[in-house]
Structures are given as C-alpha cells and as structure tokens.
Amino acid sequence: ANFELQQKAEQLQSQVDSLASKEVTLQTELESNPLKQRAFEINRRIQELVDKRNTVKEEIESEAQLSPEEEKAKHLSQVKEDNKEISGFESRIRELRGKIDQCQEEIVRCEDSIQDQDSEQAKKYKELRKREEQIEDYLSKHDTLMSEEKEAKAFTRRTLSSFLKLPQQDCPEPRCYPRYVTLRN
C-alpha cells in the first residue's frame, strides 16, 4: 500500500512539474504577444462577471424562497446594519474634523509664534545693524577727528607760544593781539 501511494505521489509530482513547465512556457508566450494578453484579460473579466452573475442569481433565488415576512426582516436587518455603518462613518468623520480643526489651530499658533520670533529677531538684527553702522561710522571718522584735534592743539600751542614770545606791551586795544585767522594760516 505504501509503495502504491509512493508511485501515485511520484506520478502526481511529475504531472505538477509538467504543468508548471507548461505554465512557464504559456506565460512566456503570453508576455511576448499583446493580442494574447488582451484575450487573456478579456477571458479573466468574463469569468469574473459570470461568477458575479451566478452569485446574484443565487441571492435572487434564495430571496424568492423567502416569505414576505422573512424578506422584510432581512431587508430591515440590512437597513439596520447599513445605518450602524453610516453612523460609525459619521462619528469617524466628526472625530477627524475635530482633529483637523485642532491641527489647523496648532498650525496658526505655530505660524504666529514664528512670526513673533521673526519680528523680534528682525528688530534685534536691525538694532545690531544700526549699532554696527554707528561703530563703523565712528571708526571711519576717527582718524580725521584725531588729526583735526591734533591740529587744533598744535595751533593752540603755537598761539600760546607766540603770545608768550611777544614783548610785554601795554596795549589795551584788541588790535595788539594776533588774530586767530592770521595765526592759523
């Protein structure tokens, strides 16, 4: 008995192998020919439609066997199931809308926060930029101001030394004193 089962298993395995190799050959043929591919798709679709027709036919036949009360109860039960499903969808929609509203509020808060930070940062940047310009302005004018100050000091020294070198005269009139303009030149 075991021997017969083993032989039968080997025969079946060889048939499976043969069918698998035939399937590979047919698949290769099918891939290389677009017309055969289209025909295969059409046959597959026809089979799906036939299966669907048979299912609908069976439903109609089973409904035809139902009494009006049973049919009414079946439809009522279907309506109840549909209503439960619809109410579940509606509650899910409300929940999702609430989450969407929360997310939108969070986005608005984040955008406001970013704008506040940006405006504060922009204000600080402008202040720093103004301060930097003042410093650069001072540094660019510093050498000029220093040389003008040195000239003014030198002029004052020359004026004072010329006053000190003048003979002591009793000259109460202003014309006796050198003028600022004449000494500077």
C-alpha atoms as a PDB file:
ATOM      1  CA  ALA A   1       0.000   0.000   0.000  1.00  0.00           C
ATOM      2  CA  ASN A   2       2.845   2.364   0.810  1.00  0.00           C
ATOM      3  CA  PHE A   3       4.519   1.507  -2.476  1.00  0.00           C
ATOM      4  CA  GLU A   4       1.356   2.269  -4.448  1.00  0.00           C
ATOM      5  CA  LEU A   5       0.909   5.568  -2.607  1.00  0.00           C
ATOM      6  CA  GLN A   6       4.515   6.461  -3.289  1.00  0.00           C
ATOM      7  CA  GLN A   7       4.118   5.703  -7.017  1.00  0.00           C
ATOM      8  CA  LYS A   8       0.894   7.721  -7.141  1.00  0.00           C
ATOM      9  CA  ALA A   9       2.641  10.632  -5.355  1.00  0.00           C
ATOM     10  CA  GLU A  10       5.509  10.466  -7.871  1.00  0.00           C
ATOM     11  CA  GLN A  11       3.039  10.456 -10.782  1.00  0.00           C
ATOM     12  CA  LEU A  12       1.204  13.436  -9.333  1.00  0.00           C
ATOM     13  CA  GLN A  13       4.501  15.243  -8.723  1.00  0.00           C
ATOM     14  CA  SER A  14       5.575  14.646 -12.324  1.00  0.00           C
ATOM     15  CA  GLN A  15       2.194  15.966 -13.501  1.00  0.00           C
ATOM     16  CA  VAL A  16       2.665  19.063 -11.293  1.00  0.00           C
ATOM     17  CA  ASP A  17       6.174  19.577 -12.697  1.00  0.00           C
ATOM     18  CA  SER A  18       4.881  19.113 -16.241  1.00  0.00           C
ATOM     19  CA  LEU A  19       2.046  21.599 -15.654  1.00  0.00           C
ATOM     20  CA  ALA A  20       4.451  24.098 -14.040  1.00  0.00           C
ATOM     21  CA  SER A  21       6.805  23.969 -17.032  1.00  0.00           C
ATOM     22  CA  LYS A  22       3.817  24.275 -19.383  1.00  0.00           C
ATOM     23  CA  GLU A  23       2.622  27.297 -17.355  1.00  0.00           C
ATOM     24  CA  VAL A  24       6.049  28.944 -17.692  1.00  0.00           C
ATOM     25  CA  THR A  25       6.008  28.312 -21.453  1.00  0.00           C
ATOM     26  CA  LEU A  26       2.492  29.723 -21.816  1.00  0.00           C
ATOM     27  CA  GLN A  27       3.344  32.715 -19.623  1.00  0.00           C
ATOM     28  CA  THR A  28       6.358  33.480 -21.837  1.00  0.00           C
ATOM     29  CA  GLU A  29       4.167  33.193 -24.932  1.00  0.00           C
ATOM     30  CA  LEU A  30       1.560  35.425 -23.350  1.00  0.00           C
ATOM     31  CA  GLU A  31       4.103  38.112 -22.401  1.00  0.00           C
ATOM     32  CA  SER A  32       5.520  38.227 -25.928  1.00  0.00           C
ATOM     33  CA  ASN A  33       2.139  38.588 -27.663  1.00  0.00           C
ATOM     34  CA  PRO A  34      -0.006  41.655 -26.782  1.00  0.00           C
ATOM     35  CA  LEU A  35      -3.024  40.185 -28.577  1.00  0.00           C
ATOM     36  CA  LYS A  36      -2.928  37.087 -26.392  1.00  0.00           C
ATOM     37  CA  GLN A  37      -2.517  39.296 -23.318  1.00  0.00           C
ATOM     38  CA  ARG A  38      -5.654  41.217 -24.264  1.00  0.00           C
ATOM     39  CA  ALA A  39      -7.554  37.974 -24.889  1.00  0.00           C
ATOM     40  CA  PHE A  40      -6.402  36.617 -21.520  1.00  0.00           C
ATOM     41  CA  GLU A  41      -7.591  39.794 -19.739  1.00  0.00           C
ATOM     42  CA  ILE A  42     -10.962  39.609 -21.521  1.00  0.00           C
ATOM     43  CA  ASN A  43     -11.415  35.934 -20.549  1.00  0.00           C
ATOM     44  CA  ARG A  44     -10.471  36.724 -16.953  1.00  0.00           C
ATOM     45  CA  ARG A  45     -13.001  39.581 -16.877  1.00  0.00           C
ATOM     46  CA  ILE A  46     -15.692  37.351 -18.432  1.00  0.00           C
ATOM     47  CA  GLN A  47     -15.066  34.736 -15.747  1.00  0.00           C
ATOM     48  CA  GLU A  48     -15.373  37.385 -13.006  1.00  0.00           C
ATOM     49  CA  LEU A  49     -18.665  38.591 -14.472  1.00  0.00           C
ATOM     50  CA  VAL A  50     -20.009  35.043 -14.798  1.00  0.00           C
ATOM     51  CA  ASP A  51     -19.102  34.388 -11.147  1.00  0.00           C
ATOM     52  CA  LYS A  52     -20.814  37.607 -10.113  1.00  0.00           C
ATOM     53  CA  ARG A  53     -23.903  36.731 -12.180  1.00  0.00           C
ATOM     54  CA  ASN A  54     -24.083  33.318 -10.543  1.00  0.00           C
ATOM     55  CA  THR A  55     -23.792  34.896  -7.074  1.00  0.00           C
ATOM     56  CA  VAL A  56     -26.565  37.395  -7.839  1.00  0.00           C
ATOM     57  CA  LYS A  57     -28.701  34.582  -9.292  1.00  0.00           C
ATOM     58  CA  GLU A  58     -28.273  32.534  -6.120  1.00  0.00           C
ATOM     59  CA  GLU A  59     -29.226  35.548  -3.986  1.00  0.00           C
ATOM     60  CA  ILE A  60     -32.341  36.166  -6.074  1.00  0.00           C
ATOM     61  CA  GLU A  61     -33.331  32.503  -5.872  1.00  0.00           C
ATOM     62  CA  SER A  62     -32.791  32.447  -2.108  1.00  0.00           C
ATOM     63  CA  GLU A  63     -34.852  35.623  -1.761  1.00  0.00           C
ATOM     64  CA  ALA A  64     -37.593  34.125  -3.937  1.00  0.00           C
ATOM     65  CA  GLN A  65     -37.842  31.253  -1.487  1.00  0.00           C
ATOM     66  CA  LEU A  66     -38.320  33.662   1.415  1.00  0.00           C
ATOM     67  CA  SER A  67     -41.761  34.572   2.640  1.00  0.00           C
ATOM     68  CA  PRO A  68     -42.684  38.278   2.571  1.00  0.00           C
ATOM     69  CA  GLU A  69     -42.180  38.488   6.348  1.00  0.00           C
ATOM     70  CA  GLU A  70     -38.731  36.883   6.100  1.00  0.00           C
ATOM     71  CA  GLU A  71     -37.813  39.148   3.191  1.00  0.00           C
ATOM     72  CA  LYS A  72     -38.998  42.186   5.181  1.00  0.00           C
ATOM     73  CA  ALA A  73     -36.982  41.065   8.227  1.00  0.00           C
ATOM     74  CA  LYS A  74     -33.900  40.502   6.034  1.00  0.00           C
ATOM     75  CA  HIS A  75     -34.179  43.960   4.455  1.00  0.00           C
ATOM     76  CA  LEU A  76     -34.853  45.548   7.853  1.00  0.00           C
ATOM     77  CA  SER A  77     -31.777  43.866   9.281  1.00  0.00           C
ATOM     78  CA  GLN A  78     -29.736  45.036   6.260  1.00  0.00           C
ATOM     79  CA  VAL A  79     -31.004  48.606   6.749  1.00  0.00           C
ATOM     80  CA  LYS A  80     -30.056  48.462  10.451  1.00  0.00           C
ATOM     81  CA  GLU A  81     -26.564  47.224   9.592  1.00  0.00           C
ATOM     82  CA  ASP A  82     -26.194  49.947   6.967  1.00  0.00           C
ATOM     83  CA  ASN A  83     -27.412  52.602   9.440  1.00  0.00           C
ATOM     84  CA  LYS A  84     -24.895  51.400  12.060  1.00  0.00           C
ATOM     85  CA  GLU A  85     -22.150  51.545   9.470  1.00  0.00           C
ATOM     86  CA  ILE A  86     -23.231  55.021   8.361  1.00  0.00           C
ATOM     87  CA  SER A  87     -23.389  56.310  11.947  1.00  0.00           C
ATOM     88  CA  GLY A  88     -19.925  54.842  12.539  1.00  0.00           C
ATOM     89  CA  PHE A  89     -18.641  56.670   9.464  1.00  0.00           C
ATOM     90  CA  GLU A  90     -20.320  59.896  10.564  1.00  0.00           C
ATOM     91  CA  SER A  91     -18.792  59.710  14.043  1.00  0.00           C
ATOM     92  CA  ARG A  92     -15.409  58.979  12.491  1.00  0.00           C
ATOM     93  CA  ILE A  93     -15.858  61.981  10.183  1.00  0.00           C
ATOM     94  CA  ARG A  94     -16.728  64.221  13.163  1.00  0.00           C
ATOM     95  CA  GLU A  95     -13.685  62.924  15.027  1.00  0.00           C
ATOM     96  CA  LEU A  96     -11.429  63.545  12.039  1.00  0.00           C
ATOM     97  CA  ARG A  97     -12.866  67.036  11.531  1.00  0.00           C
ATOM     98  CA  GLY A  98     -12.152  67.788  15.197  1.00  0.00           C
ATOM     99  CA  LYS A  99      -8.581  66.598  14.759  1.00  0.00           C
ATOM    100  CA  ILE A 100      -8.259  68.664  11.579  1.00  0.00           C
ATOM    101  CA  ASP A 101      -9.535  71.745  13.420  1.00  0.00           C
ATOM    102  CA  GLN A 102      -7.054  71.120  16.249  1.00  0.00           C
ATOM    103  CA  CYS A 103      -4.222  70.723  13.758  1.00  0.00           C
ATOM    104  CA  GLN A 104      -5.222  73.911  11.948  1.00  0.00           C
ATOM    105  CA  GLU A 105      -5.320  75.813  15.259  1.00  0.00           C
ATOM    106  CA  GLU A 106      -1.891  74.425  16.124  1.00  0.00           C
ATOM    107  CA  ILE A 107      -0.593  75.498  12.723  1.00  0.00           C
ATOM    108  CA  VAL A 108      -1.950  79.018  13.263  1.00  0.00           C
ATOM    109  CA  ARG A 109      -0.329  79.162  16.724  1.00  0.00           C
ATOM    110  CA  CYS A 110       2.967  77.947  15.317  1.00  0.00           C
ATOM    111  CA  GLU A 111       2.846  80.448  12.456  1.00  0.00           C
ATOM    112  CA  ASP A 112       2.068  83.259  14.923  1.00  0.00           C
ATOM    113  CA  SER A 113       4.911  82.122  17.160  1.00  0.00           C
ATOM    114  CA  ILE A 114       7.273  82.015  14.204  1.00  0.00           C
ATOM    115  CA  GLN A 115       6.173  85.480  13.094  1.00  0.00           C
ATOM    116  CA  ASP A 116       6.665  86.813  16.635  1.00  0.00           C
ATOM    117  CA  GLN A 117      10.108  85.265  16.795  1.00  0.00           C
ATOM    118  CA  ASP A 118      10.910  86.552  13.336  1.00  0.00           C
ATOM    119  CA  SER A 119       9.772  90.078  14.226  1.00  0.00           C
ATOM    120  CA  GLU A 120      11.760  90.015  17.490  1.00  0.00           C
ATOM    121  CA  GLN A 121      14.786  88.677  15.684  1.00  0.00           C
ATOM    122  CA  ALA A 122      14.341  91.213  12.894  1.00  0.00           C
ATOM    123  CA  LYS A 123      14.120  94.014  15.477  1.00  0.00           C
ATOM    124  CA  LYS A 124      17.260  92.794  17.254  1.00  0.00           C
ATOM    125  CA  TYR A 125      19.009  92.428  13.916  1.00  0.00           C
ATOM    126  CA  LYS A 126      18.080  95.985  12.921  1.00  0.00           C
ATOM    127  CA  GLU A 127      19.316  97.304  16.276  1.00  0.00           C
ATOM    128  CA  LEU A 128      22.585  95.413  15.929  1.00  0.00           C
ATOM    129  CA  ARG A 129      22.952  96.558  12.336  1.00  0.00           C
ATOM    130  CA  LYS A 130      22.355 100.206  13.351  1.00  0.00           C
ATOM    131  CA  ARG A 131      24.894  99.875  16.167  1.00  0.00           C
ATOM    132  CA  GLU A 132      27.387  98.321  13.770  1.00  0.00           C
ATOM    133  CA  GLU A 133      26.905 101.192  11.306  1.00  0.00           C
ATOM    134  CA  GLN A 134      27.457 103.704  14.109  1.00  0.00           C
ATOM    135  CA  ILE A 135      30.664 101.947  15.119  1.00  0.00           C
ATOM    136  CA  GLU A 136      31.864 101.768  11.509  1.00  0.00           C
ATOM    137  CA  ASP A 137      30.993 105.448  11.032  1.00  0.00           C
ATOM    138  CA  TYR A 138      32.919 106.386  14.184  1.00  0.00           C
ATOM    139  CA  LEU A 139      35.913 104.275  13.145  1.00  0.00           C
ATOM    140  CA  SER A 140      35.956 105.760   9.644  1.00  0.00           C
ATOM    141  CA  LYS A 141      35.838 109.316  11.056  1.00  0.00           C
ATOM    142  CA  HIS A 142      38.172 108.607  13.967  1.00  0.00           C
ATOM    143  CA  ASP A 143      41.407 109.261  12.085  1.00  0.00           C
ATOM    144  CA  THR A 144      40.068 112.509  10.644  1.00  0.00           C
ATOM    145  CA  LEU A 145      38.810 113.671  14.037  1.00  0.00           C
ATOM    146  CA  MET A 146      42.126 112.771  15.667  1.00  0.00           C
ATOM    147  CA  SER A 147      44.146 114.688  13.079  1.00  0.00           C
ATOM    148  CA  GLU A 148      41.809 117.715  13.397  1.00  0.00           C
ATOM    149  CA  GLU A 149      42.178 117.563  17.174  1.00  0.00           C
ATOM    150  CA  LYS A 150      45.971 117.370  16.876  1.00  0.00           C
ATOM    151  CA  GLU A 151      45.952 120.357  14.526  1.00  0.00           C
ATOM    152  CA  ALA A 152      43.787 122.327  16.934  1.00  0.00           C
ATOM    153  CA  LYS A 153      46.156 121.507  19.825  1.00  0.00           C
ATOM    154  CA  ALA A 154      49.172 122.449  17.741  1.00  0.00           C
ATOM    155  CA  PHE A 155      47.516 125.695  16.743  1.00  0.00           C
ATOM    156  CA  THR A 156      46.713 126.453  20.367  1.00  0.00           C
ATOM    157  CA  ARG A 157      50.344 125.761  21.347  1.00  0.00           C
ATOM    158  CA  ARG A 158      51.675 127.976  18.583  1.00  0.00           C
ATOM    159  CA  THR A 159      49.272 130.726  19.554  1.00  0.00           C
ATOM    160  CA  LEU A 160      50.197 130.479  23.207  1.00  0.00           C
ATOM    161  CA  SER A 161      53.890 130.378  22.461  1.00  0.00           C
ATOM    162  CA  SER A 162      53.574 133.405  20.158  1.00  0.00           C
ATOM    163  CA  PHE A 163      51.750 135.258  22.937  1.00  0.00           C
ATOM    164  CA  LEU A 164      54.441 134.318  25.363  1.00  0.00           C
ATOM    165  CA  LYS A 165      57.188 135.458  22.986  1.00  0.00           C
ATOM    166  CA  LEU A 166      55.608 138.844  22.384  1.00  0.00           C
ATOM    167  CA  PRO A 167      57.192 141.706  24.245  1.00  0.00           C
ATOM    168  CA  GLN A 168      55.240 142.854  27.152  1.00  0.00           C
ATOM    169  CA  GLN A 169      53.458 145.885  25.894  1.00  0.00           C
ATOM    170  CA  ASP A 170      50.748 147.833  27.328  1.00  0.00           C
ATOM    171  CA  CYS A 171      48.343 147.589  24.534  1.00  0.00           C
ATOM    172  CA  PRO A 172      44.792 147.585  25.711  1.00  0.00           C
ATOM    173  CA  GLU A 173      43.380 147.587  22.210  1.00  0.00           C
ATOM    174  CA  PRO A 174      42.367 144.335  20.575  1.00  0.00           C
ATOM    175  CA  ARG A 175      44.441 145.087  17.508  1.00  0.00           C
ATOM    176  CA  CYS A 176      47.554 144.345  19.517  1.00  0.00           C
ATOM    177  CA  TYR A 177      46.672 140.670  19.845  1.00  0.00           C
ATOM    178  CA  PRO A 178      47.182 138.362  16.881  1.00  0.00           C
ATOM    179  CA  ARG A 179      44.024 137.233  15.308  1.00  0.00           C
ATOM    180  CA  TYR A 180      43.005 133.587  15.181  1.00  0.00           C
ATOM    181  CA  VAL A 181      42.676 133.696  11.416  1.00  0.00           C
ATOM    182  CA  THR A 182      46.111 135.187  10.817  1.00  0.00           C
ATOM    183  CA  LEU A 183      47.878 132.749  13.105  1.00  0.00           C
ATOM    184  CA  ARG A 184      46.166 129.665  11.689  1.00  0.00           C
ATOM    185  CA  ASN A 185      47.187 130.489   8.156  1.00  0.00           C
END
